[in-house]
Full PDB file with SEQRES, HELIX, SHEET, SSBOND, CRYST1, ORIGX, SCALE, CONECT and MASTER records, all heavy atoms in Angstrom:
SEQRES   1 A   42  ARG PRO ASP ILE THR LEU LEU ILE LYS ALA SER GLU THR          
SEQRES   2 A   42  VAL GLY ARG VAL ILE SER ARG GLY ASP ILE VAL ILE TYR          
SEQRES   3 A   42  GLU SER THR VAL TYR PRO GLY ALA THR GLU GLU ASP CYS          
SEQRES   4 A   42  VAL PRO VAL                                                  
HELIX    1 AA1 THR A    5  VAL A   17  1                                  13    
HELIX    2 AA2 ALA A   34  ALA A   34  1                                   1    
HELIX    3 AA3 THR A   35  CYS A   39  3                                   5    
CRYST1    1.000    1.000    1.000  90.00  90.00  90.00 P 1           1          
ORIGX1      1.000000  0.000000  0.000000        0.00000                         
ORIGX2      0.000000  1.000000  0.000000        0.00000                         
ORIGX3      0.000000  0.000000  1.000000        0.00000                         
SCALE1      1.000000  0.000000  0.000000        0.00000                         
SCALE2      0.000000  1.000000  0.000000        0.00000                         
SCALE3      0.000000  0.000000  1.000000        0.00000                         
ATOM      1  N   ARG A   1      -0.204 -21.623   1.986  1.00  0.00           N  
ATOM      2  CA  ARG A   1      -1.414 -20.967   1.501  1.00  0.00           C  
ATOM      3  C   ARG A   1      -1.064 -19.578   0.974  1.00  0.00           C  
ATOM      4  O   ARG A   1      -0.181 -18.913   1.515  1.00  0.00           O  
ATOM      5  CB  ARG A   1      -2.436 -20.837   2.638  1.00  0.00           C  
ATOM      6  CG  ARG A   1      -2.950 -22.169   3.171  1.00  0.00           C  
ATOM      7  CD  ARG A   1      -3.885 -21.973   4.352  1.00  0.00           C  
ATOM      8  NE  ARG A   1      -3.250 -21.222   5.434  1.00  0.00           N  
ATOM      9  CZ  ARG A   1      -3.679 -21.224   6.695  1.00  0.00           C  
ATOM     10  NH1 ARG A   1      -4.754 -21.932   7.026  1.00  0.00           N  
ATOM     11  NH2 ARG A   1      -3.058 -20.511   7.618  1.00  0.00           N  
ATOM     12  N   PRO A   2      -1.744 -19.129  -0.089  1.00  0.00           N  
ATOM     13  CA  PRO A   2      -1.459 -17.793  -0.626  1.00  0.00           C  
ATOM     14  C   PRO A   2      -1.622 -16.709   0.442  1.00  0.00           C  
ATOM     15  O   PRO A   2      -2.587 -16.706   1.206  1.00  0.00           O  
ATOM     16  CB  PRO A   2      -2.512 -17.631  -1.724  1.00  0.00           C  
ATOM     17  CG  PRO A   2      -2.830 -19.020  -2.151  1.00  0.00           C  
ATOM     18  CD  PRO A   2      -2.746 -19.848  -0.894  1.00  0.00           C  
ATOM     19  N   ASP A   3      -0.656 -15.805   0.462  1.00  0.00           N  
ATOM     20  CA  ASP A   3      -0.700 -14.668   1.380  1.00  0.00           C  
ATOM     21  C   ASP A   3      -0.732 -13.397   0.539  1.00  0.00           C  
ATOM     22  O   ASP A   3       0.298 -12.945   0.025  1.00  0.00           O  
ATOM     23  CB  ASP A   3       0.524 -14.675   2.293  1.00  0.00           C  
ATOM     24  CG  ASP A   3       0.524 -13.512   3.284  1.00  0.00           C  
ATOM     25  OD1 ASP A   3      -0.426 -12.704   3.249  1.00  0.00           O  
ATOM     26  OD2 ASP A   3       1.478 -13.412   4.072  1.00  0.00           O  
ATOM     27  N   ILE A   4      -1.923 -12.834   0.368  1.00  0.00           N  
ATOM     28  CA  ILE A   4      -2.077 -11.637  -0.472  1.00  0.00           C  
ATOM     29  C   ILE A   4      -2.199 -10.371   0.362  1.00  0.00           C  
ATOM     30  O   ILE A   4      -2.731  -9.361  -0.098  1.00  0.00           O  
ATOM     31  CB  ILE A   4      -3.280 -11.779  -1.429  1.00  0.00           C  
ATOM     32  CG1 ILE A   4      -4.598 -11.946  -0.658  1.00  0.00           C  
ATOM     33  CG2 ILE A   4      -3.069 -12.951  -2.382  1.00  0.00           C  
ATOM     34  CD1 ILE A   4      -5.830 -11.875  -1.553  1.00  0.00           C  
ATOM     35  N   THR A   5      -1.657 -10.426   1.576  1.00  0.00           N  
ATOM     36  CA  THR A   5      -1.732  -9.262   2.471  1.00  0.00           C  
ATOM     37  C   THR A   5      -1.162  -8.005   1.820  1.00  0.00           C  
ATOM     38  O   THR A   5      -1.777  -6.929   1.859  1.00  0.00           O  
ATOM     39  CB  THR A   5      -0.982  -9.544   3.783  1.00  0.00           C  
ATOM     40  OG1 THR A   5      -1.540 -10.704   4.399  1.00  0.00           O  
ATOM     41  CG2 THR A   5      -1.090  -8.361   4.721  1.00  0.00           C  
ATOM     42  N   LEU A   6       0.032  -8.124   1.228  1.00  0.00           N  
ATOM     43  CA  LEU A   6       0.664  -6.957   0.603  1.00  0.00           C  
ATOM     44  C   LEU A   6      -0.150  -6.459  -0.586  1.00  0.00           C  
ATOM     45  O   LEU A   6      -0.211  -5.252  -0.856  1.00  0.00           O  
ATOM     46  CB  LEU A   6       2.085  -7.304   0.173  1.00  0.00           C  
ATOM     47  CG  LEU A   6       3.069  -7.638   1.299  1.00  0.00           C  
ATOM     48  CD1 LEU A   6       4.419  -8.043   0.732  1.00  0.00           C  
ATOM     49  CD2 LEU A   6       3.237  -6.442   2.235  1.00  0.00           C  
ATOM     50  N   LEU A   7      -0.769  -7.375  -1.294  1.00  0.00           N  
ATOM     51  CA  LEU A   7      -1.596  -6.995  -2.437  1.00  0.00           C  
ATOM     52  C   LEU A   7      -2.820  -6.200  -1.980  1.00  0.00           C  
ATOM     53  O   LEU A   7      -3.209  -5.204  -2.609  1.00  0.00           O  
ATOM     54  CB  LEU A   7      -2.025  -8.258  -3.184  1.00  0.00           C  
ATOM     55  CG  LEU A   7      -2.491  -8.103  -4.630  1.00  0.00           C  
ATOM     56  CD1 LEU A   7      -1.382  -7.545  -5.501  1.00  0.00           C  
ATOM     57  CD2 LEU A   7      -2.977  -9.435  -5.173  1.00  0.00           C  
ATOM     58  N   ILE A   8      -3.425  -6.634  -0.891  1.00  0.00           N  
ATOM     59  CA  ILE A   8      -4.584  -5.918  -0.342  1.00  0.00           C  
ATOM     60  C   ILE A   8      -4.170  -4.535   0.149  1.00  0.00           C  
ATOM     61  O   ILE A   8      -4.861  -3.535  -0.092  1.00  0.00           O  
ATOM     62  CB  ILE A   8      -5.231  -6.731   0.791  1.00  0.00           C  
ATOM     63  CG1 ILE A   8      -5.763  -8.070   0.252  1.00  0.00           C  
ATOM     64  CG2 ILE A   8      -6.340  -5.937   1.454  1.00  0.00           C  
ATOM     65  CD1 ILE A   8      -6.774  -7.933  -0.864  1.00  0.00           C  
ATOM     66  N   LYS A   9      -3.027  -4.463   0.834  1.00  0.00           N  
ATOM     67  CA  LYS A   9      -2.552  -3.162   1.331  1.00  0.00           C  
ATOM     68  C   LYS A   9      -2.230  -2.217   0.171  1.00  0.00           C  
ATOM     69  O   LYS A   9      -2.507  -1.011   0.241  1.00  0.00           O  
ATOM     70  CB  LYS A   9      -1.324  -3.360   2.222  1.00  0.00           C  
ATOM     71  CG  LYS A   9      -1.642  -4.000   3.569  1.00  0.00           C  
ATOM     72  CD  LYS A   9      -0.407  -4.087   4.437  1.00  0.00           C  
ATOM     73  CE  LYS A   9      -0.721  -4.696   5.799  1.00  0.00           C  
ATOM     74  NZ  LYS A   9      -1.687  -3.877   6.575  1.00  0.00           N  
ATOM     75  N   ALA A  10      -1.647  -2.759  -0.897  1.00  0.00           N  
ATOM     76  CA  ALA A  10      -1.347  -1.936  -2.069  1.00  0.00           C  
ATOM     77  C   ALA A  10      -2.639  -1.443  -2.716  1.00  0.00           C  
ATOM     78  O   ALA A  10      -2.719  -0.297  -3.183  1.00  0.00           O  
ATOM     79  CB  ALA A  10      -0.516  -2.733  -3.075  1.00  0.00           C  
ATOM     80  N   SER A  11      -3.664  -2.296  -2.719  1.00  0.00           N  
ATOM     81  CA  SER A  11      -4.971  -1.897  -3.272  1.00  0.00           C  
ATOM     82  C   SER A  11      -5.599  -0.797  -2.426  1.00  0.00           C  
ATOM     83  O   SER A  11      -6.253   0.117  -2.958  1.00  0.00           O  
ATOM     84  CB  SER A  11      -5.895  -3.116  -3.349  1.00  0.00           C  
ATOM     85  OG  SER A  11      -5.359  -4.112  -4.206  1.00  0.00           O  
ATOM     86  N   GLU A  12      -5.410  -0.871  -1.117  1.00  0.00           N  
ATOM     87  CA  GLU A  12      -5.897   0.196  -0.243  1.00  0.00           C  
ATOM     88  C   GLU A  12      -5.179   1.517  -0.548  1.00  0.00           C  
ATOM     89  O   GLU A  12      -5.794   2.592  -0.562  1.00  0.00           O  
ATOM     90  CB  GLU A  12      -5.697  -0.195   1.219  1.00  0.00           C  
ATOM     91  CG  GLU A  12      -6.603  -1.332   1.682  1.00  0.00           C  
ATOM     92  CD  GLU A  12      -6.252  -1.833   3.066  1.00  0.00           C  
ATOM     93  OE1 GLU A  12      -5.160  -1.468   3.577  1.00  0.00           O  
ATOM     94  OE2 GLU A  12      -7.053  -2.585   3.652  1.00  0.00           O  
ATOM     95  N   THR A  13      -3.875   1.410  -0.792  1.00  0.00           N  
ATOM     96  CA  THR A  13      -3.108   2.606  -1.152  1.00  0.00           C  
ATOM     97  C   THR A  13      -3.657   3.224  -2.435  1.00  0.00           C  
ATOM     98  O   THR A  13      -3.859   4.441  -2.521  1.00  0.00           O  
ATOM     99  CB  THR A  13      -1.623   2.253  -1.336  1.00  0.00           C  
ATOM    100  OG1 THR A  13      -1.090   1.786  -0.090  1.00  0.00           O  
ATOM    101  CG2 THR A  13      -0.823   3.462  -1.805  1.00  0.00           C  
ATOM    102  N   VAL A  14      -3.895   2.373  -3.427  1.00  0.00           N  
ATOM    103  CA  VAL A  14      -4.459   2.860  -4.686  1.00  0.00           C  
ATOM    104  C   VAL A  14      -5.820   3.514  -4.441  1.00  0.00           C  
ATOM    105  O   VAL A  14      -6.123   4.579  -4.981  1.00  0.00           O  
ATOM    106  CB  VAL A  14      -4.587   1.705  -5.706  1.00  0.00           C  
ATOM    107  CG1 VAL A  14      -5.389   2.177  -6.932  1.00  0.00           C  
ATOM    108  CG2 VAL A  14      -3.224   1.207  -6.134  1.00  0.00           C  
ATOM    109  N   GLY A  15      -6.636   2.886  -3.613  1.00  0.00           N  
ATOM    110  CA  GLY A  15      -7.969   3.415  -3.328  1.00  0.00           C  
ATOM    111  C   GLY A  15      -7.946   4.795  -2.701  1.00  0.00           C  
ATOM    112  O   GLY A  15      -8.893   5.589  -2.889  1.00  0.00           O  
ATOM    113  N   ARG A  16      -6.886   5.097  -1.977  1.00  0.00           N  
ATOM    114  CA  ARG A  16      -6.792   6.416  -1.323  1.00  0.00           C  
ATOM    115  C   ARG A  16      -6.330   7.520  -2.271  1.00  0.00           C  
ATOM    116  O   ARG A  16      -6.460   8.704  -1.946  1.00  0.00           O  
ATOM    117  CB  ARG A  16      -5.849   6.326  -0.114  1.00  0.00           C  
ATOM    118  CG  ARG A  16      -6.432   5.547   1.051  1.00  0.00           C  
ATOM    119  CD  ARG A  16      -5.585   5.714   2.308  1.00  0.00           C  
ATOM    120  NE  ARG A  16      -4.302   5.034   2.214  1.00  0.00           N  
ATOM    121  CZ  ARG A  16      -4.055   3.786   2.610  1.00  0.00           C  
ATOM    122  NH1 ARG A  16      -5.041   3.056   3.118  1.00  0.00           N  
ATOM    123  NH2 ARG A  16      -2.863   3.254   2.497  1.00  0.00           N  
ATOM    124  N   VAL A  17      -5.771   7.151  -3.419  1.00  0.00           N  
ATOM    125  CA  VAL A  17      -5.207   8.176  -4.315  1.00  0.00           C  
ATOM    126  C   VAL A  17      -5.855   8.201  -5.693  1.00  0.00           C  
ATOM    127  O   VAL A  17      -5.648   9.148  -6.456  1.00  0.00           O  
ATOM    128  CB  VAL A  17      -3.681   7.979  -4.479  1.00  0.00           C  
ATOM    129  CG1 VAL A  17      -2.970   8.124  -3.146  1.00  0.00           C  
ATOM    130  CG2 VAL A  17      -3.353   6.626  -5.116  1.00  0.00           C  
ATOM    131  N   ILE A  18      -6.653   7.207  -6.013  1.00  0.00           N  
ATOM    132  CA  ILE A  18      -7.205   7.073  -7.358  1.00  0.00           C  
ATOM    133  C   ILE A  18      -8.276   8.127  -7.636  1.00  0.00           C  
ATOM    134  O   ILE A  18      -8.961   8.604  -6.721  1.00  0.00           O  
ATOM    135  CB  ILE A  18      -7.786   5.647  -7.547  1.00  0.00           C  
ATOM    136  CG1 ILE A  18      -8.008   5.341  -9.028  1.00  0.00           C  
ATOM    137  CG2 ILE A  18      -9.081   5.483  -6.752  1.00  0.00           C  
ATOM    138  CD1 ILE A  18      -8.364   3.890  -9.292  1.00  0.00           C  
ATOM    139  N   SER A  19      -8.409   8.484  -8.923  1.00  0.00           N  
ATOM    140  CA  SER A  19      -9.432   9.437  -9.365  1.00  0.00           C  
ATOM    141  C   SER A  19     -10.262   8.818 -10.487  1.00  0.00           C  
ATOM    142  O   SER A  19      -9.892   7.780 -11.049  1.00  0.00           O  
ATOM    143  CB  SER A  19      -8.774  10.725  -9.876  1.00  0.00           C  
ATOM    144  OG  SER A  19      -7.998  11.340  -8.863  1.00  0.00           O  
ATOM    145  N   ARG A  20     -11.369   9.442 -10.809  1.00  0.00           N  
ATOM    146  CA  ARG A  20     -12.228   8.951 -11.886  1.00  0.00           C  
ATOM    147  C   ARG A  20     -11.467   8.909 -13.212  1.00  0.00           C  
ATOM    148  O   ARG A  20     -10.735   9.846 -13.546  1.00  0.00           O  
ATOM    149  CB  ARG A  20     -13.471   9.826 -12.029  1.00  0.00           C  
ATOM    150  CG  ARG A  20     -14.522   9.543 -10.971  1.00  0.00           C  
ATOM    151  CD  ARG A  20     -15.759  10.412 -11.149  1.00  0.00           C  
ATOM    152  NE  ARG A  20     -16.832   9.978 -10.253  1.00  0.00           N  
ATOM    153  CZ  ARG A  20     -16.901  10.315  -8.974  1.00  0.00           C  
ATOM    154  NH1 ARG A  20     -15.968  11.091  -8.452  1.00  0.00           N  
ATOM    155  NH2 ARG A  20     -17.902   9.858  -8.222  1.00  0.00           N  
ATOM    156  N   GLY A  21     -11.655   7.810 -13.935  1.00  0.00           N  
ATOM    157  CA  GLY A  21     -11.012   7.658 -15.236  1.00  0.00           C  
ATOM    158  C   GLY A  21      -9.656   6.978 -15.184  1.00  0.00           C  
ATOM    159  O   GLY A  21      -9.065   6.696 -16.236  1.00  0.00           O  
ATOM    160  N   ASP A  22      -9.150   6.706 -13.990  1.00  0.00           N  
ATOM    161  CA  ASP A  22      -7.822   6.096 -13.855  1.00  0.00           C  
ATOM    162  C   ASP A  22      -7.859   4.598 -14.138  1.00  0.00           C  
ATOM    163  O   ASP A  22      -8.909   3.952 -14.099  1.00  0.00           O  
ATOM    164  CB  ASP A  22      -7.263   6.322 -12.451  1.00  0.00           C  
ATOM    165  CG  ASP A  22      -6.907   7.782 -12.189  1.00  0.00           C  
ATOM    166  OD1 ASP A  22      -6.982   8.583 -13.142  1.00  0.00           O  
ATOM    167  OD2 ASP A  22      -6.561   8.110 -11.038  1.00  0.00           O  
ATOM    168  N   ILE A  23      -6.664   4.045 -14.408  1.00  0.00           N  
ATOM    169  CA  ILE A  23      -6.501   2.610 -14.661  1.00  0.00           C  
ATOM    170  C   ILE A  23      -5.538   2.035 -13.633  1.00  0.00           C  
ATOM    171  O   ILE A  23      -4.502   2.645 -13.322  1.00  0.00           O  
ATOM    172  CB  ILE A  23      -5.967   2.354 -16.082  1.00  0.00           C  
ATOM    173  CG1 ILE A  23      -7.032   2.734 -17.122  1.00  0.00           C  
ATOM    174  CG2 ILE A  23      -5.574   0.890 -16.266  1.00  0.00           C  
ATOM    175  CD1 ILE A  23      -6.596   2.524 -18.556  1.00  0.00           C  
ATOM    176  N   VAL A  24      -5.881   0.852 -13.117  1.00  0.00           N  
ATOM    177  CA  VAL A  24      -5.012   0.129 -12.182  1.00  0.00           C  
ATOM    178  C   VAL A  24      -4.607  -1.188 -12.842  1.00  0.00           C  
ATOM    179  O   VAL A  24      -5.465  -1.982 -13.235  1.00  0.00           O  
ATOM    180  CB  VAL A  24      -5.725  -0.167 -10.849  1.00  0.00           C  
ATOM    181  CG1 VAL A  24      -4.744  -0.796  -9.865  1.00  0.00           C  
ATOM    182  CG2 VAL A  24      -6.331   1.098 -10.279  1.00  0.00           C  
ATOM    183  N   ILE A  25      -3.298  -1.399 -12.970  1.00  0.00           N  
ATOM    184  CA  ILE A  25      -2.776  -2.617 -13.587  1.00  0.00           C  
ATOM    185  C   ILE A  25      -2.038  -3.425 -12.522  1.00  0.00           C  
ATOM    186  O   ILE A  25      -1.186  -2.888 -11.810  1.00  0.00           O  
ATOM    187  CB  ILE A  25      -1.813  -2.288 -14.748  1.00  0.00           C  
ATOM    188  CG1 ILE A  25      -2.497  -1.382 -15.774  1.00  0.00           C  
ATOM    189  CG2 ILE A  25      -1.312  -3.577 -15.410  1.00  0.00           C  
ATOM    190  CD1 ILE A  25      -1.553  -0.797 -16.804  1.00  0.00           C  
ATOM    191  N   TYR A  26      -2.381  -4.695 -12.423  1.00  0.00           N  
ATOM    192  CA  TYR A  26      -1.688  -5.587 -11.487  1.00  0.00           C  
ATOM    193  C   TYR A  26      -0.699  -6.460 -12.251  1.00  0.00           C  
ATOM    194  O   TYR A  26      -0.999  -6.979 -13.329  1.00  0.00           O  
ATOM    195  CB  TYR A  26      -2.695  -6.459 -10.734  1.00  0.00           C  
ATOM    196  CG  TYR A  26      -3.499  -5.694  -9.704  1.00  0.00           C  
ATOM    197  CD1 TYR A  26      -4.687  -5.057 -10.067  1.00  0.00           C  
ATOM    198  CD2 TYR A  26      -3.066  -5.586  -8.392  1.00  0.00           C  
ATOM    199  CE1 TYR A  26      -5.427  -4.339  -9.134  1.00  0.00           C  
ATOM    200  CE2 TYR A  26      -3.792  -4.871  -7.450  1.00  0.00           C  
ATOM    201  CZ  TYR A  26      -4.968  -4.249  -7.826  1.00  0.00           C  
ATOM    202  OH  TYR A  26      -5.696  -3.536  -6.904  1.00  0.00           O  
ATOM    203  N   GLU A  27       0.501  -6.612 -11.656  1.00  0.00           N  
ATOM    204  CA  GLU A  27       1.513  -7.503 -12.218  1.00  0.00           C  
ATOM    205  C   GLU A  27       1.845  -8.660 -11.283  1.00  0.00           C  
ATOM    206  O   GLU A  27       2.436  -9.653 -11.702  1.00  0.00           O  
ATOM    207  CB  GLU A  27       2.794  -6.732 -12.554  1.00  0.00           C  
ATOM    208  CG  GLU A  27       2.678  -5.820 -13.755  1.00  0.00           C  
ATOM    209  CD  GLU A  27       3.963  -5.761 -14.566  1.00  0.00           C  
ATOM    210  OE1 GLU A  27       4.933  -6.456 -14.204  1.00  0.00           O  
ATOM    211  OE2 GLU A  27       3.995  -5.030 -15.567  1.00  0.00           O  
ATOM    212  N   SER A  28       1.491  -8.545 -10.030  1.00  0.00           N  
ATOM    213  CA  SER A  28       1.808  -9.581  -9.042  1.00  0.00           C  
ATOM    214  C   SER A  28       1.141 -10.899  -9.417  1.00  0.00           C  
ATOM    215  O   SER A  28       0.002 -10.933  -9.887  1.00  0.00           O  
ATOM    216  CB  SER A  28       1.333  -9.141  -7.654  1.00  0.00           C  
ATOM    217  OG  SER A  28       1.866  -7.878  -7.315  1.00  0.00           O  
ATOM    218  N   THR A  29       1.854 -11.997  -9.194  1.00  0.00           N  
ATOM    219  CA  THR A  29       1.313 -13.319  -9.494  1.00  0.00           C  
ATOM    220  C   THR A  29       0.202 -13.667  -8.509  1.00  0.00           C  
ATOM    221  O   THR A  29       0.381 -13.562  -7.291  1.00  0.00           O  
ATOM    222  CB  THR A  29       2.414 -14.385  -9.410  1.00  0.00           C  
ATOM    223  OG1 THR A  29       3.468 -14.038 -10.319  1.00  0.00           O  
ATOM    224  CG2 THR A  29       1.870 -15.756  -9.780  1.00  0.00           C  
ATOM    225  N   VAL A  30      -0.941 -14.088  -9.047  1.00  0.00           N  
ATOM    226  CA  VAL A  30      -2.098 -14.414  -8.216  1.00  0.00           C  
ATOM    227  C   VAL A  30      -2.821 -15.615  -8.814  1.00  0.00           C  
ATOM    228  O   VAL A  30      -2.517 -16.052  -9.920  1.00  0.00           O  
ATOM    229  CB  VAL A  30      -3.086 -13.228  -8.127  1.00  0.00           C  
ATOM    230  CG1 VAL A  30      -2.479 -12.076  -7.345  1.00  0.00           C  
ATOM    231  CG2 VAL A  30      -3.509 -12.761  -9.524  1.00  0.00           C  
ATOM    232  N   TYR A  31      -3.791 -16.160  -8.078  1.00  0.00           N  
ATOM    233  CA  TYR A  31      -4.644 -17.192  -8.645  1.00  0.00           C  
ATOM    234  C   TYR A  31      -5.679 -16.524  -9.550  1.00  0.00           C  
ATOM    235  O   TYR A  31      -6.022 -15.347  -9.373  1.00  0.00           O  
ATOM    236  CB  TYR A  31      -5.329 -18.002  -7.546  1.00  0.00           C  
ATOM    237  CG  TYR A  31      -5.873 -17.194  -6.406  1.00  0.00           C  
ATOM    238  CD1 TYR A  31      -7.077 -16.508  -6.515  1.00  0.00           C  
ATOM    239  CD2 TYR A  31      -5.164 -17.092  -5.205  1.00  0.00           C  
ATOM    240  CE1 TYR A  31      -7.571 -15.745  -5.470  1.00  0.00           C  
ATOM    241  CE2 TYR A  31      -5.650 -16.330  -4.152  1.00  0.00           C  
ATOM    242  CZ  TYR A  31      -6.850 -15.664  -4.290  1.00  0.00           C  
ATOM    243  OH  TYR A  31      -7.330 -14.905  -3.254  1.00  0.00           O  
ATOM    244  N   PRO A  32      -6.173 -17.231 -10.551  1.00  0.00           N  
ATOM    245  CA  PRO A  32      -7.172 -16.640 -11.445  1.00  0.00           C  
ATOM    246  C   PRO A  32      -8.389 -16.137 -10.676  1.00  0.00           C  
ATOM    247  O   PRO A  32      -8.975 -16.855  -9.877  1.00  0.00           O  
ATOM    248  CB  PRO A  32      -7.542 -17.808 -12.373  1.00  0.00           C  
ATOM    249  CG  PRO A  32      -6.341 -18.696 -12.352  1.00  0.00           C  
ATOM    250  CD  PRO A  32      -5.793 -18.598 -10.964  1.00  0.00           C  
ATOM    251  N   GLY A  33      -8.721 -14.894 -10.912  1.00  0.00           N  
ATOM    252  CA  GLY A  33      -9.864 -14.279 -10.248  1.00  0.00           C  
ATOM    253  C   GLY A  33      -9.501 -13.305  -9.150  1.00  0.00           C  
ATOM    254  O   GLY A  33     -10.346 -12.510  -8.712  1.00  0.00           O  
ATOM    255  N   ALA A  34      -8.250 -13.324  -8.697  1.00  0.00           N  
ATOM    256  CA  ALA A  34      -7.860 -12.499  -7.543  1.00  0.00           C  
ATOM    257  C   ALA A  34      -7.994 -11.004  -7.816  1.00  0.00           C  
ATOM    258  O   ALA A  34      -8.412 -10.236  -6.941  1.00  0.00           O  
ATOM    259  CB  ALA A  34      -6.433 -12.836  -7.114  1.00  0.00           C  
ATOM    260  N   THR A  35      -7.620 -10.569  -9.008  1.00  0.00           N  
ATOM    261  CA  THR A  35      -7.676  -9.139  -9.311  1.00  0.00           C  
ATOM    262  C   THR A  35      -9.086  -8.593  -9.123  1.00  0.00           C  
ATOM    263  O   THR A  35      -9.304  -7.599  -8.420  1.00  0.00           O  
ATOM    264  CB  THR A  35      -7.200  -8.872 -10.756  1.00  0.00           C  
ATOM    265  OG1 THR A  35      -5.832  -9.285 -10.880  1.00  0.00           O  
ATOM    266  CG2 THR A  35      -7.327  -7.391 -11.095  1.00  0.00           C  
ATOM    267  N   GLU A  36     -10.056  -9.263  -9.737  1.00  0.00           N  
ATOM    268  CA  GLU A  36     -11.421  -8.739  -9.717  1.00  0.00           C  
ATOM    269  C   GLU A  36     -12.215  -9.166  -8.483  1.00  0.00           C  
ATOM    270  O   GLU A  36     -13.153  -8.475  -8.080  1.00  0.00           O  
ATOM    271  CB  GLU A  36     -12.141  -9.170 -10.995  1.00  0.00           C  
ATOM    272  CG  GLU A  36     -11.530  -8.522 -12.241  1.00  0.00           C  
ATOM    273  CD  GLU A  36     -12.173  -8.978 -13.537  1.00  0.00           C  
ATOM    274  OE1 GLU A  36     -12.038 -10.167 -13.872  1.00  0.00           O  
ATOM    275  OE2 GLU A  36     -12.800  -8.140 -14.204  1.00  0.00           O  
ATOM    276  N   GLU A  37     -11.840 -10.290  -7.879  1.00  0.00           N  
ATOM    277  CA  GLU A  37     -12.590 -10.780  -6.721  1.00  0.00           C  
ATOM    278  C   GLU A  37     -12.032 -10.275  -5.394  1.00  0.00           C  
ATOM    279  O   GLU A  37     -12.782 -10.104  -4.427  1.00  0.00           O  
ATOM    280  CB  GLU A  37     -12.598 -12.309  -6.718  1.00  0.00           C  
ATOM    281  CG  GLU A  37     -13.334 -12.916  -7.910  1.00  0.00           C  
ATOM    282  CD  GLU A  37     -13.085 -14.409  -8.040  1.00  0.00           C  
ATOM    283  OE1 GLU A  37     -12.508 -15.007  -7.098  1.00  0.00           O  
ATOM    284  OE2 GLU A  37     -13.456 -14.980  -9.080  1.00  0.00           O  
ATOM    285  N   ASP A  38     -10.725 -10.040  -5.319  1.00  0.00           N  
ATOM    286  CA  ASP A  38     -10.096  -9.644  -4.055  1.00  0.00           C  
ATOM    287  C   ASP A  38      -9.615  -8.200  -4.045  1.00  0.00           C  
ATOM    288  O   ASP A  38      -9.776  -7.506  -3.040  1.00  0.00           O  
ATOM    289  CB  ASP A  38      -8.917 -10.576  -3.744  1.00  0.00           C  
ATOM    290  CG  ASP A  38      -9.347 -12.009  -3.527  1.00  0.00           C  
ATOM    291  OD1 ASP A  38     -10.203 -12.237  -2.663  1.00  0.00           O  
ATOM    292  OD2 ASP A  38      -8.838 -12.902  -4.226  1.00  0.00           O  
ATOM    293  N   CYS A  39      -9.013  -7.758  -5.151  1.00  0.00           N  
ATOM    294  CA  CYS A  39      -8.404  -6.428  -5.168  1.00  0.00           C  
ATOM    295  C   CYS A  39      -9.394  -5.317  -5.511  1.00  0.00           C  
ATOM    296  O   CYS A  39      -9.420  -4.267  -4.860  1.00  0.00           O  
ATOM    297  CB  CYS A  39      -7.234  -6.409  -6.158  1.00  0.00           C  
ATOM    298  SG  CYS A  39      -5.918  -7.577  -5.758  1.00  0.00           S  
ATOM    299  N   VAL A  40     -10.185  -5.524  -6.550  1.00  0.00           N  
ATOM    300  CA  VAL A  40     -11.122  -4.490  -6.988  1.00  0.00           C  
ATOM    301  C   VAL A  40     -12.081  -4.068  -5.877  1.00  0.00           C  
ATOM    302  O   VAL A  40     -12.301  -2.860  -5.671  1.00  0.00           O  
ATOM    303  CB  VAL A  40     -11.889  -4.954  -8.245  1.00  0.00           C  
ATOM    304  CG1 VAL A  40     -13.113  -4.068  -8.491  1.00  0.00           C  
ATOM    305  CG2 VAL A  40     -10.974  -4.921  -9.460  1.00  0.00           C  
ATOM    306  N   PRO A  41     -12.685  -5.012  -5.124  1.00  0.00           N  
ATOM    307  CA  PRO A  41     -13.574  -4.574  -4.034  1.00  0.00           C  
ATOM    308  C   PRO A  41     -12.883  -3.689  -3.004  1.00  0.00           C  
ATOM    309  O   PRO A  41     -13.519  -2.798  -2.424  1.00  0.00           O  
ATOM    310  CB  PRO A  41     -14.037  -5.897  -3.408  1.00  0.00           C  
ATOM    311  CG  PRO A  41     -13.931  -6.901  -4.510  1.00  0.00           C  
ATOM    312  CD  PRO A  41     -12.714  -6.487  -5.288  1.00  0.00           C  
ATOM    313  N   VAL A  42     -11.581  -3.922  -2.777  1.00  0.00           N  
ATOM    314  CA  VAL A  42     -10.833  -3.083  -1.832  1.00  0.00           C  
ATOM    315  C   VAL A  42     -10.718  -1.666  -2.369  1.00  0.00           C  
ATOM    316  O   VAL A  42     -10.902  -0.682  -1.629  1.00  0.00           O  
ATOM    317  CB  VAL A  42      -9.431  -3.685  -1.568  1.00  0.00           C  
ATOM    318  CG1 VAL A  42      -8.587  -2.725  -0.730  1.00  0.00           C  
ATOM    319  CG2 VAL A  42      -9.547  -5.030  -0.874  1.00  0.00           C  
TER     320      VAL A  42                                                      
MASTER        0    0    0    3    0    0    0    6  319    1    0    4          
END                                                                             
């Protein structure tokens, strides 16, 4: 089963340092929808 634990932790890291107007680009292989459904909410 997909294990996106590291992806979620990386998204948390981004959330702690990001500022208004910034862009977050994901390169990690995921199932379609993971970026916006799993990472963005974090």
